[in-house]
């Protein structure tokens, strides 16, 4: 089959293959940068969730102490 291709067709085919390679390389670069950005946001989200869990646990403790003592606790400590 390759012997039936003219020089012009071979040059065009080579150019098209190089174009596809360059385009795919650019797309991979974009995806890598987006993935890095999402991983950074994921780390920030994990930190925020940890802080939220800590605050909820503190509230649970305050409510439990209030239930045991029968009087309100100092809520300014949050």
N, C-alpha and C. Protein backbone atom coordinates (compact mmCIF):
# COMPACT_ATOMS: atom_id res chain seq x y z
N UNK A 1 0.82 -1.18 0.00
CA UNK A 1 0.00 0.00 0.00
C UNK A 1 0.87 1.25 0.00
N UNK A 2 1.94 1.25 0.76
CA UNK A 2 2.78 2.44 0.83
C UNK A 2 3.44 2.75 -0.51
N UNK A 3 3.61 1.75 -1.36
CA UNK A 3 4.22 2.02 -2.67
C UNK A 3 3.26 2.75 -3.61
N UNK A 4 1.97 2.80 -3.27
CA UNK A 4 0.98 3.47 -4.10
C UNK A 4 0.82 4.95 -3.71
N UNK A 5 1.50 5.41 -2.67
CA UNK A 5 1.39 6.80 -2.25
C UNK A 5 2.41 7.64 -3.01
N UNK A 6 1.97 8.83 -3.41
CA UNK A 6 2.90 9.75 -4.08
C UNK A 6 3.69 10.52 -3.02
N UNK A 7 4.70 11.22 -3.44
CA UNK A 7 5.52 12.02 -2.53
C UNK A 7 4.65 13.09 -1.86
N UNK A 8 3.77 13.70 -2.61
CA UNK A 8 2.89 14.73 -2.07
C UNK A 8 2.01 14.15 -0.96
N UNK A 9 1.44 12.98 -1.20
CA UNK A 9 0.59 12.35 -0.20
C UNK A 9 1.38 11.98 1.05
N UNK A 10 2.60 11.54 0.89
CA UNK A 10 3.44 11.19 2.03
C UNK A 10 3.79 12.43 2.85
N UNK A 11 4.08 13.53 2.18
CA UNK A 11 4.38 14.79 2.87
C UNK A 11 3.14 15.27 3.64
N UNK A 12 1.98 15.19 3.02
CA UNK A 12 0.74 15.62 3.67
C UNK A 12 0.42 14.72 4.87
N UNK A 13 0.63 13.44 4.71
CA UNK A 13 0.37 12.50 5.79
C UNK A 13 1.32 12.76 6.96
N UNK A 14 2.60 13.00 6.66
CA UNK A 14 3.57 13.30 7.70
C UNK A 14 3.22 14.60 8.41
N UNK A 15 2.83 15.61 7.66
CA UNK A 15 2.42 16.89 8.25
C UNK A 15 1.21 16.73 9.15
N UNK A 16 0.25 15.93 8.72
CA UNK A 16 -0.95 15.70 9.53
C UNK A 16 -0.60 14.97 10.82
N UNK A 17 0.26 13.98 10.74
CA UNK A 17 0.67 13.25 11.93
C UNK A 17 1.41 14.15 12.92
N UNK A 18 2.26 15.02 12.41
CA UNK A 18 2.98 15.96 13.28
C UNK A 18 1.98 16.93 13.92
N UNK A 19 1.01 17.40 13.15
CA UNK A 19 -0.02 18.30 13.69
C UNK A 19 -0.83 17.63 14.80
N UNK A 20 -1.20 16.38 14.60
CA UNK A 20 -1.95 15.65 15.63
C UNK A 20 -1.10 15.48 16.88
N UNK A 21 0.19 15.16 16.69
CA UNK A 21 1.09 15.00 17.84
C UNK A 21 1.20 16.30 18.64
N UNK A 22 1.37 17.42 17.96
CA UNK A 22 1.50 18.72 18.63
C UNK A 22 0.21 19.06 19.36
N UNK A 23 -0.93 18.84 18.72
CA UNK A 23 -2.22 19.15 19.32
C UNK A 23 -2.45 18.29 20.57
N UNK A 24 -2.14 17.02 20.50
CA UNK A 24 -2.31 16.13 21.66
C UNK A 24 -1.36 16.52 22.79
N UNK A 25 -0.16 16.91 22.47
CA UNK A 25 0.80 17.34 23.49
C UNK A 25 0.29 18.58 24.21
N UNK A 26 -0.28 19.52 23.47
CA UNK A 26 -0.86 20.71 24.08
C UNK A 26 -2.03 20.37 24.99
N UNK A 27 -2.90 19.47 24.54
CA UNK A 27 -4.06 19.07 25.34
C UNK A 27 -3.61 18.37 26.62
N UNK A 28 -2.59 17.55 26.54
CA UNK A 28 -2.07 16.87 27.73
C UNK A 28 -1.51 17.89 28.70
N UNK A 29 -0.82 18.90 28.20
CA UNK A 29 -0.29 19.96 29.06
C UNK A 29 -1.41 20.71 29.78
N UNK A 30 -2.49 21.02 29.05
CA UNK A 30 -3.63 21.70 29.68
C UNK A 30 -4.26 20.83 30.76
N UNK A 31 -4.42 19.55 30.46
CA UNK A 31 -5.04 18.65 31.43
C UNK A 31 -4.17 18.49 32.68
N UNK A 32 -2.86 18.46 32.50
CA UNK A 32 -1.96 18.35 33.65
C UNK A 32 -2.07 19.58 34.54
N UNK A 33 -2.14 20.76 33.93
CA UNK A 33 -2.25 21.98 34.73
C UNK A 33 -3.60 22.04 35.45
N UNK A 34 -4.67 21.61 34.79
CA UNK A 34 -5.98 21.57 35.45
C UNK A 34 -5.98 20.58 36.59
N UNK A 35 -5.34 19.44 36.41
CA UNK A 35 -5.28 18.43 37.45
C UNK A 35 -4.53 18.95 38.67
N UNK A 36 -3.45 19.67 38.44
CA UNK A 36 -2.70 20.26 39.53
C UNK A 36 -3.55 21.27 40.29
N UNK A 37 -4.31 22.08 39.57
CA UNK A 37 -5.19 23.06 40.21
C UNK A 37 -6.27 22.38 41.04
N UNK A 38 -6.85 21.31 40.50
CA UNK A 38 -7.90 20.59 41.23
C UNK A 38 -7.32 19.92 42.48
N UNK A 39 -6.12 19.38 42.37
CA UNK A 39 -5.49 18.77 43.54
C UNK A 39 -5.23 19.81 44.63
N UNK A 40 -4.87 21.03 44.24
CA UNK A 40 -4.67 22.11 45.21
C UNK A 40 -5.98 22.47 45.90
N UNK A 41 -7.05 22.55 45.12
CA UNK A 41 -8.36 22.84 45.71
C UNK A 41 -8.81 21.71 46.63
N UNK A 42 -8.46 20.49 46.26
CA UNK A 42 -8.82 19.34 47.09
C UNK A 42 -8.14 19.43 48.46
N UNK A 43 -6.88 19.86 48.49
CA UNK A 43 -6.17 20.03 49.76
C UNK A 43 -6.82 21.11 50.62
N UNK A 44 -7.20 22.22 50.00
CA UNK A 44 -7.87 23.29 50.73
C UNK A 44 -9.21 22.81 51.28
N UNK A 45 -9.93 22.04 50.50
CA UNK A 45 -11.22 21.52 50.93
C UNK A 45 -11.06 20.57 52.12
N UNK A 46 -10.03 19.73 52.08
CA UNK A 46 -9.78 18.82 53.19
C UNK A 46 -9.50 19.60 54.47
N UNK A 47 -8.71 20.66 54.37
CA UNK A 47 -8.41 21.49 55.54
C UNK A 47 -9.68 22.13 56.10
N UNK A 48 -10.53 22.63 55.21
CA UNK A 48 -11.78 23.27 55.65
C UNK A 48 -12.70 22.26 56.33
N UNK A 49 -12.75 21.05 55.79
CA UNK A 49 -13.61 20.02 56.39
C UNK A 49 -13.08 19.62 57.76
N UNK A 50 -11.76 19.52 57.89
CA UNK A 50 -11.18 19.18 59.20
C UNK A 50 -11.53 20.26 60.23
N UNK A 51 -11.44 21.52 59.83
CA UNK A 51 -11.77 22.61 60.74
C UNK A 51 -13.26 22.57 61.11
N UNK A 52 -14.10 22.29 60.14
CA UNK A 52 -15.54 22.19 60.39
C UNK A 52 -15.85 21.05 61.36
N UNK A 53 -15.20 19.93 61.18
CA UNK A 53 -15.40 18.79 62.09
C UNK A 53 -14.99 19.15 63.50
N UNK A 54 -13.88 19.88 63.63
CA UNK A 54 -13.42 20.29 64.96
C UNK A 54 -14.44 21.21 65.63
N UNK A 55 -14.99 22.14 64.89
CA UNK A 55 -15.98 23.06 65.44
C UNK A 55 -17.25 22.29 65.85
N UNK A 56 -17.67 21.36 65.02
CA UNK A 56 -18.87 20.57 65.35
C UNK A 56 -18.62 19.75 66.61
N UNK A 57 -17.44 19.16 66.74
CA UNK A 57 -17.11 18.39 67.94
C UNK A 57 -17.10 19.28 69.18
N UNK A 58 -16.58 20.51 69.04
CA UNK A 58 -16.60 21.45 70.16
C UNK A 58 -18.04 21.78 70.57
N UNK A 59 -18.89 21.98 69.58
CA UNK A 59 -20.30 22.26 69.87
C UNK A 59 -20.96 21.07 70.57
N UNK A 60 -20.64 19.87 70.14
CA UNK A 60 -21.20 18.68 70.78
C UNK A 60 -20.77 18.63 72.25
N UNK A 61 -19.50 18.93 72.50
CA UNK A 61 -19.01 18.92 73.88
C UNK A 61 -19.71 19.97 74.73
N UNK A 62 -19.88 21.16 74.16
CA UNK A 62 -20.56 22.22 74.90
C UNK A 62 -22.00 21.82 75.22
N UNK A 63 -22.69 21.24 74.26
CA UNK A 63 -24.07 20.83 74.50
C UNK A 63 -24.14 19.70 75.52
N UNK A 64 -23.19 18.80 75.48
CA UNK A 64 -23.17 17.71 76.46
C UNK A 64 -22.90 18.24 77.86
N UNK A 65 -21.97 19.19 77.98
CA UNK A 65 -21.68 19.79 79.29
C UNK A 65 -22.90 20.54 79.83
N UNK A 66 -23.58 21.25 78.94
CA UNK A 66 -24.76 21.99 79.35
C UNK A 66 -25.85 21.03 79.82
N UNK A 67 -25.98 19.90 79.15
CA UNK A 67 -26.96 18.91 79.55
C UNK A 67 -26.63 18.28 80.89
N UNK A 68 -25.34 18.09 81.17
CA UNK A 68 -24.94 17.48 82.44
C UNK A 68 -25.05 18.48 83.60
N UNK A 69 -24.61 19.70 83.38
CA UNK A 69 -24.60 20.70 84.43
C UNK A 69 -25.96 21.33 84.66
N UNK A 70 -26.76 21.41 83.63
CA UNK A 70 -28.06 22.05 83.74
C UNK A 70 -27.99 23.56 83.64
N UNK A 71 -26.82 24.11 83.37
CA UNK A 71 -26.69 25.56 83.21
C UNK A 71 -25.87 25.85 81.94
N UNK A 72 -26.10 26.99 81.29
CA UNK A 72 -25.37 27.32 80.06
C UNK A 72 -23.88 27.50 80.32
N UNK A 73 -23.09 27.12 79.33
CA UNK A 73 -21.64 27.30 79.42
C UNK A 73 -21.26 28.60 78.74
N UNK A 74 -20.02 29.00 78.90
CA UNK A 74 -19.51 30.22 78.27
C UNK A 74 -19.33 29.96 76.78
N UNK A 75 -20.16 30.55 75.96
CA UNK A 75 -20.11 30.29 74.51
C UNK A 75 -19.15 31.23 73.79
N UNK A 76 -18.52 32.12 74.48
CA UNK A 76 -17.58 33.04 73.86
C UNK A 76 -16.25 32.35 73.57
N UNK A 77 -16.06 31.14 74.03
CA UNK A 77 -14.79 30.45 73.83
C UNK A 77 -14.60 29.99 72.39
N UNK A 78 -15.67 29.95 71.58
CA UNK A 78 -15.53 29.58 70.18
C UNK A 78 -14.93 30.73 69.44
